[in-house]
Amino acid sequence: MSVLDGIGLFLAGYLLLIARSAWKQGEFRQFAVSLAVVGGLILAILAAVLAVDLLAGV
C-alpha cells in the first residue's frame, strides 16, 4: 500500500464517520448536499485545468 492509498483510506474513513454523525443528528441531507457541492467544485476546477492544458497544447 502506497502513501496515497493510505491517505485515501483515511479520508474515506473520515467521511464515513462524518456521515454517521450527520445521520445521528438528522442532518444527513445537508451533509450530502454539501459533499455534492464540494465534489462539483473539484470537478469544475479539474475541467478548467484540463481545458487550459488542451488549449495550450494546440
Foldseek 3Di string as FASTA:
>chain_A
DDPVVVVVVVVVVVLVVVCVVCVVVVNNVVVVVVVVVVVVVVVVVVVVVVVVVVVVVD
